[in-house]
């Protein structure tokens, strides 16, 4: 039934959310231990997870995601975020750091957490 399919989709989304938060916490901790600043956006609230509380948010259909290569489509009743490779079938998680993208630490945490 439609209700059962909806529950399965919600369970899948919850699993992806929990998996992202777990990995983002590990990555941020590793980068912080290496002397870098790192934080991630909680996909549910749109707020930084590790930093101080703020009223500013970065929700998944925020226009600022265009700067990261995403497209935001306004369908009238809702907005949809899409990526040129994955389309709209993607979970968007956002992590920020001042560590250089080519640094040993970034390469290491990405390799360790790329399952």
N, C-alpha and C. Protein backbone atom coordinates (compact mmCIF):
# COMPACT_ATOMS: atom_id res chain seq x y z
N UNK A 1 0.83 -1.18 0.00
CA UNK A 1 0.00 0.00 0.00
C UNK A 1 0.88 1.25 0.00
N UNK A 2 0.25 2.37 -0.28
CA UNK A 2 0.98 3.64 -0.32
C UNK A 2 1.53 3.99 1.05
N UNK A 3 0.75 3.73 2.11
CA UNK A 3 1.21 4.05 3.46
C UNK A 3 2.47 3.26 3.81
N UNK A 4 2.50 2.00 3.47
CA UNK A 4 3.67 1.14 3.75
C UNK A 4 4.89 1.63 2.97
N UNK A 5 4.70 1.99 1.71
CA UNK A 5 5.81 2.51 0.91
C UNK A 5 6.36 3.79 1.51
N UNK A 6 5.47 4.64 2.03
CA UNK A 6 5.88 5.89 2.66
C UNK A 6 6.73 5.61 3.90
N UNK A 7 6.31 4.64 4.71
CA UNK A 7 7.06 4.28 5.92
C UNK A 7 8.45 3.78 5.55
N UNK A 8 8.56 2.98 4.50
CA UNK A 8 9.86 2.48 4.05
C UNK A 8 10.75 3.64 3.62
N UNK A 9 10.20 4.61 2.91
CA UNK A 9 10.98 5.77 2.49
C UNK A 9 11.46 6.58 3.68
N UNK A 10 10.60 6.77 4.67
CA UNK A 10 10.96 7.52 5.87
C UNK A 10 12.06 6.78 6.64
N UNK A 11 11.95 5.46 6.76
CA UNK A 11 12.97 4.67 7.45
C UNK A 11 14.31 4.77 6.73
N UNK A 12 14.29 4.76 5.42
CA UNK A 12 15.51 4.89 4.63
C UNK A 12 16.14 6.26 4.85
N UNK A 13 15.32 7.30 4.84
CA UNK A 13 15.81 8.67 5.07
C UNK A 13 16.41 8.80 6.47
N UNK A 14 15.76 8.20 7.47
CA UNK A 14 16.27 8.24 8.84
C UNK A 14 17.61 7.52 8.93
N UNK A 15 17.73 6.37 8.28
CA UNK A 15 19.00 5.64 8.27
C UNK A 15 20.11 6.49 7.66
N UNK A 16 19.84 7.12 6.52
CA UNK A 16 20.84 7.97 5.88
C UNK A 16 21.22 9.15 6.77
N UNK A 17 20.24 9.75 7.42
CA UNK A 17 20.49 10.87 8.34
C UNK A 17 21.41 10.42 9.48
N UNK A 18 21.06 9.32 10.14
CA UNK A 18 21.87 8.84 11.27
C UNK A 18 23.27 8.45 10.83
N UNK A 19 23.39 7.82 9.67
CA UNK A 19 24.69 7.44 9.14
C UNK A 19 25.53 8.68 8.84
N UNK A 20 24.92 9.70 8.25
CA UNK A 20 25.64 10.94 7.95
C UNK A 20 26.12 11.60 9.24
N UNK A 21 25.25 11.74 10.23
CA UNK A 21 25.62 12.40 11.48
C UNK A 21 26.76 11.65 12.16
N UNK A 22 26.68 10.33 12.21
CA UNK A 22 27.74 9.52 12.82
C UNK A 22 29.08 9.74 12.13
N UNK A 23 29.08 9.66 10.80
CA UNK A 23 30.33 9.83 10.05
C UNK A 23 30.83 11.27 10.11
N UNK A 24 29.92 12.24 10.05
CA UNK A 24 30.33 13.65 10.12
C UNK A 24 30.97 13.96 11.47
N UNK A 25 30.42 13.40 12.55
CA UNK A 25 31.02 13.60 13.87
C UNK A 25 32.43 13.01 13.92
N UNK A 26 32.60 11.81 13.36
CA UNK A 26 33.93 11.17 13.33
C UNK A 26 34.92 12.00 12.52
N UNK A 27 34.49 12.47 11.36
CA UNK A 27 35.37 13.26 10.49
C UNK A 27 35.74 14.57 11.17
N UNK A 28 34.77 15.26 11.74
CA UNK A 28 35.05 16.53 12.41
C UNK A 28 36.00 16.33 13.59
N UNK A 29 35.78 15.28 14.36
CA UNK A 29 36.66 15.00 15.50
C UNK A 29 38.09 14.75 15.03
N UNK A 30 38.25 13.96 13.99
CA UNK A 30 39.59 13.66 13.47
C UNK A 30 40.28 14.93 12.97
N UNK A 31 39.55 15.77 12.25
CA UNK A 31 40.13 17.01 11.74
C UNK A 31 40.46 17.98 12.87
N UNK A 32 39.59 18.05 13.88
CA UNK A 32 39.86 18.91 15.03
C UNK A 32 41.09 18.43 15.80
N UNK A 33 41.23 17.11 15.96
CA UNK A 33 42.40 16.56 16.64
C UNK A 33 43.68 16.83 15.86
N UNK A 34 43.56 17.02 14.55
CA UNK A 34 44.72 17.35 13.72
C UNK A 34 44.98 18.86 13.70
N UNK A 35 44.16 19.63 14.45
CA UNK A 35 44.39 21.06 14.56
C UNK A 35 43.55 21.94 13.65
N UNK A 36 42.61 21.36 12.95
CA UNK A 36 41.76 22.13 12.05
C UNK A 36 40.40 22.40 12.69
N UNK A 37 39.71 23.40 12.16
CA UNK A 37 38.31 23.63 12.53
C UNK A 37 37.44 22.81 11.60
N UNK A 38 36.39 22.22 12.13
CA UNK A 38 35.46 21.45 11.30
C UNK A 38 34.10 21.42 11.98
N UNK A 39 33.05 21.49 11.19
CA UNK A 39 31.68 21.40 11.67
C UNK A 39 30.83 20.91 10.50
N UNK A 40 29.64 20.44 10.82
CA UNK A 40 28.73 20.00 9.76
C UNK A 40 27.34 20.55 10.03
N UNK A 41 26.57 20.63 8.97
CA UNK A 41 25.20 21.12 9.05
C UNK A 41 24.29 19.94 9.36
N UNK A 42 23.53 20.06 10.43
CA UNK A 42 22.55 19.03 10.76
C UNK A 42 21.44 19.12 9.71
N UNK A 43 21.24 18.07 8.91
CA UNK A 43 20.25 18.14 7.84
C UNK A 43 18.81 18.37 8.33
N UNK A 44 18.52 18.00 9.57
CA UNK A 44 17.16 18.20 10.09
C UNK A 44 16.89 19.65 10.46
N UNK A 45 17.88 20.30 11.08
CA UNK A 45 17.66 21.67 11.55
C UNK A 45 18.24 22.71 10.60
N UNK A 46 19.23 22.31 9.80
CA UNK A 46 19.91 23.26 8.92
C UNK A 46 20.92 24.12 9.66
N UNK A 47 21.21 23.78 10.91
CA UNK A 47 22.13 24.57 11.73
C UNK A 47 23.43 23.81 11.95
N UNK A 48 24.52 24.55 12.23
CA UNK A 48 25.78 23.88 12.57
C UNK A 48 25.57 22.94 13.76
N UNK A 49 26.14 21.77 13.69
CA UNK A 49 25.93 20.78 14.73
C UNK A 49 26.83 20.98 15.94
N UNK A 50 28.08 21.35 15.71
CA UNK A 50 29.05 21.42 16.79
C UNK A 50 29.28 22.83 17.32
N UNK A 51 28.95 23.82 16.54
CA UNK A 51 29.18 25.20 16.93
C UNK A 51 28.07 25.75 17.81
N UNK A 52 28.18 27.01 18.18
CA UNK A 52 27.14 27.62 19.01
C UNK A 52 25.83 27.76 18.23
N UNK A 53 24.74 27.84 18.98
CA UNK A 53 23.42 27.97 18.37
C UNK A 53 23.35 29.25 17.54
N UNK A 54 22.66 29.16 16.42
CA UNK A 54 22.43 30.31 15.56
C UNK A 54 21.04 30.22 14.95
N UNK A 55 20.47 31.35 14.61
CA UNK A 55 19.18 31.37 13.91
C UNK A 55 19.37 31.14 12.42
N UNK A 56 20.59 31.26 11.93
CA UNK A 56 20.88 31.05 10.51
C UNK A 56 20.80 29.56 10.19
N UNK A 57 20.24 29.26 9.03
CA UNK A 57 20.12 27.86 8.62
C UNK A 57 20.60 27.67 7.19
N UNK A 58 20.93 26.43 6.87
CA UNK A 58 21.27 26.02 5.51
C UNK A 58 20.50 24.72 5.26
N UNK A 59 19.26 24.87 4.83
CA UNK A 59 18.41 23.71 4.59
C UNK A 59 18.67 23.15 3.20
N UNK A 60 18.24 21.91 2.97
CA UNK A 60 18.65 21.19 1.75
C UNK A 60 18.21 21.82 0.44
N UNK A 61 17.23 22.69 0.44
CA UNK A 61 16.85 23.34 -0.81
C UNK A 61 17.23 24.82 -0.81
N UNK A 62 18.17 25.20 0.03
CA UNK A 62 18.65 26.58 0.10
C UNK A 62 19.38 26.92 -1.21
N UNK A 63 19.13 28.10 -1.71
CA UNK A 63 19.75 28.55 -2.97
C UNK A 63 21.28 28.53 -2.90
N UNK A 64 21.85 28.65 -1.70
CA UNK A 64 23.32 28.65 -1.57
C UNK A 64 23.94 27.33 -1.99
N UNK A 65 23.16 26.25 -2.03
CA UNK A 65 23.70 24.97 -2.50
C UNK A 65 24.09 25.03 -3.97
N UNK A 66 23.60 26.02 -4.70
CA UNK A 66 24.01 26.19 -6.10
C UNK A 66 25.53 26.40 -6.20
N UNK A 67 26.12 27.01 -5.17
CA UNK A 67 27.57 27.25 -5.15
C UNK A 67 28.36 25.94 -5.04
N UNK A 68 27.71 24.86 -4.64
CA UNK A 68 28.36 23.57 -4.50
C UNK A 68 28.04 22.64 -5.66
N UNK A 69 27.45 23.17 -6.73
CA UNK A 69 27.18 22.38 -7.92
C UNK A 69 25.80 21.75 -8.00
N UNK A 70 24.92 22.10 -7.08
CA UNK A 70 23.56 21.57 -7.11
C UNK A 70 22.63 22.52 -7.85
N UNK A 71 21.51 21.98 -8.30
CA UNK A 71 20.46 22.78 -8.92
C UNK A 71 19.24 22.71 -8.00
N UNK A 72 18.61 23.85 -7.80
CA UNK A 72 17.38 23.90 -7.00
C UNK A 72 16.23 24.15 -7.96
N UNK A 73 15.30 23.21 -8.02
CA UNK A 73 14.15 23.33 -8.91
C UNK A 73 12.91 23.66 -8.09
N UNK A 74 12.20 24.70 -8.49
CA UNK A 74 10.95 25.07 -7.83
C UNK A 74 9.81 24.43 -8.60
N UNK A 75 9.14 23.46 -7.99
CA UNK A 75 8.05 22.75 -8.65
C UNK A 75 6.68 23.35 -8.34
N UNK A 76 6.68 24.51 -7.73
CA UNK A 76 5.42 25.17 -7.37
C UNK A 76 5.01 24.83 -5.95
N UNK A 77 4.75 23.55 -5.70
CA UNK A 77 4.33 23.13 -4.36
C UNK A 77 5.52 22.87 -3.45
N UNK A 78 6.70 22.66 -4.03
CA UNK A 78 7.89 22.38 -3.23
C UNK A 78 9.14 22.62 -4.08
N UNK A 79 10.28 22.61 -3.41
CA UNK A 79 11.56 22.73 -4.11
C UNK A 79 12.28 21.39 -4.04
N UNK A 80 13.06 21.10 -5.08
CA UNK A 80 13.80 19.85 -5.16
C UNK A 80 15.25 20.18 -5.48
N UNK A 81 16.17 19.56 -4.74
CA UNK A 81 17.59 19.73 -5.01
C UNK A 81 18.04 18.58 -5.92
N UNK A 82 18.80 18.91 -6.96
CA UNK A 82 19.30 17.89 -7.87
C UNK A 82 20.79 18.09 -8.09
N UNK A 83 21.44 17.01 -8.46
CA UNK A 83 22.87 17.02 -8.75
C UNK A 83 23.06 16.50 -10.17
N UNK A 84 24.06 17.03 -10.87
CA UNK A 84 24.24 16.66 -12.28
C UNK A 84 24.56 15.17 -12.46
N UNK A 85 25.11 14.49 -11.45
CA UNK A 85 25.41 13.06 -11.57
C UNK A 85 24.31 12.18 -10.98
N UNK A 86 23.76 12.59 -9.83
CA UNK A 86 22.84 11.73 -9.09
C UNK A 86 21.38 12.13 -9.24
N UNK A 87 21.11 13.20 -9.94
CA UNK A 87 19.72 13.66 -10.07
C UNK A 87 19.15 14.07 -8.73
N UNK A 88 17.88 13.75 -8.51
CA UNK A 88 17.24 14.12 -7.24
C UNK A 88 17.27 12.97 -6.25
N UNK A 89 17.89 11.86 -6.62
CA UNK A 89 17.99 10.69 -5.75
C UNK A 89 19.29 10.76 -4.95
N UNK A 90 19.38 11.74 -4.05
CA UNK A 90 20.61 11.94 -3.28
C UNK A 90 20.29 12.47 -1.90
N UNK A 91 21.10 12.07 -0.94
CA UNK A 91 21.03 12.63 0.41
C UNK A 91 22.15 13.66 0.49
N UNK A 92 21.81 14.89 0.81
CA UNK A 92 22.80 15.96 0.83
C UNK A 92 23.25 16.22 2.27
N UNK A 93 24.53 16.01 2.51
CA UNK A 93 25.13 16.33 3.80
C UNK A 93 26.24 17.32 3.56
N UNK A 94 26.41 18.26 4.48
CA UNK A 94 27.36 19.35 4.26
C UNK A 94 28.30 19.47 5.46
N UNK A 95 29.59 19.35 5.20
CA UNK A 95 30.62 19.46 6.23
C UNK A 95 31.59 20.55 5.80
N UNK A 96 31.96 21.42 6.74
CA UNK A 96 32.88 22.51 6.46
C UNK A 96 34.13 22.36 7.30
N UNK A 97 35.28 22.75 6.74
CA UNK A 97 36.54 22.72 7.47
C UNK A 97 37.50 23.73 6.86
N UNK A 98 38.49 24.11 7.64
CA UNK A 98 39.54 24.96 7.09
C UNK A 98 40.76 24.13 6.67
N UNK A 99 40.64 22.81 6.76
CA UNK A 99 41.72 21.93 6.31
C UNK A 99 41.78 21.96 4.78
N UNK A 100 42.97 22.07 4.22
CA UNK A 100 43.09 22.04 2.76
C UNK A 100 42.57 20.71 2.20
N UNK A 101 41.87 20.78 1.09
CA UNK A 101 41.27 19.57 0.52
C UNK A 101 42.31 18.54 0.10
N UNK A 102 43.54 18.99 -0.16
CA UNK A 102 44.59 18.05 -0.56
C UNK A 102 45.48 17.65 0.61
N UNK A 103 45.09 17.99 1.85
CA UNK A 103 45.91 17.65 3.01
C UNK A 103 45.82 16.16 3.32
N UNK A 104 46.84 15.66 3.97
CA UNK A 104 46.88 14.25 4.37
C UNK A 104 45.68 13.90 5.24
N UNK A 105 45.34 14.79 6.18
CA UNK A 105 44.25 14.51 7.11
C UNK A 105 42.91 14.38 6.40
N UNK A 106 42.63 15.25 5.45
CA UNK A 106 41.37 15.18 4.71
C UNK A 106 41.33 13.89 3.89
N UNK A 107 42.40 13.59 3.20
CA UNK A 107 42.44 12.36 2.40
C UNK A 107 42.24 11.13 3.29
N UNK A 108 42.87 11.16 4.47
CA UNK A 108 42.78 10.02 5.38
C UNK A 108 41.34 9.83 5.89
N UNK A 109 40.70 10.90 6.38
CA UNK A 109 39.34 10.73 6.92
C UNK A 109 38.34 10.37 5.83
N UNK A 110 38.53 10.88 4.63
CA UNK A 110 37.63 10.52 3.54
C UNK A 110 37.80 9.05 3.16
N UNK A 111 39.04 8.60 3.13
CA UNK A 111 39.31 7.19 2.81
C UNK A 111 38.73 6.27 3.89
N UNK A 112 38.92 6.64 5.15
CA UNK A 112 38.44 5.82 6.27
C UNK A 112 36.92 5.78 6.35
N UNK A 113 36.26 6.80 5.87
CA UNK A 113 34.81 6.89 6.02
C UNK A 113 34.06 6.72 4.71
N UNK A 114 34.72 6.26 3.68
CA UNK A 114 34.09 6.06 2.37
C UNK A 114 33.69 4.60 2.21
N UNK A 115 32.55 4.27 2.80
CA UNK A 115 32.07 2.88 2.74
C UNK A 115 30.93 2.76 1.77
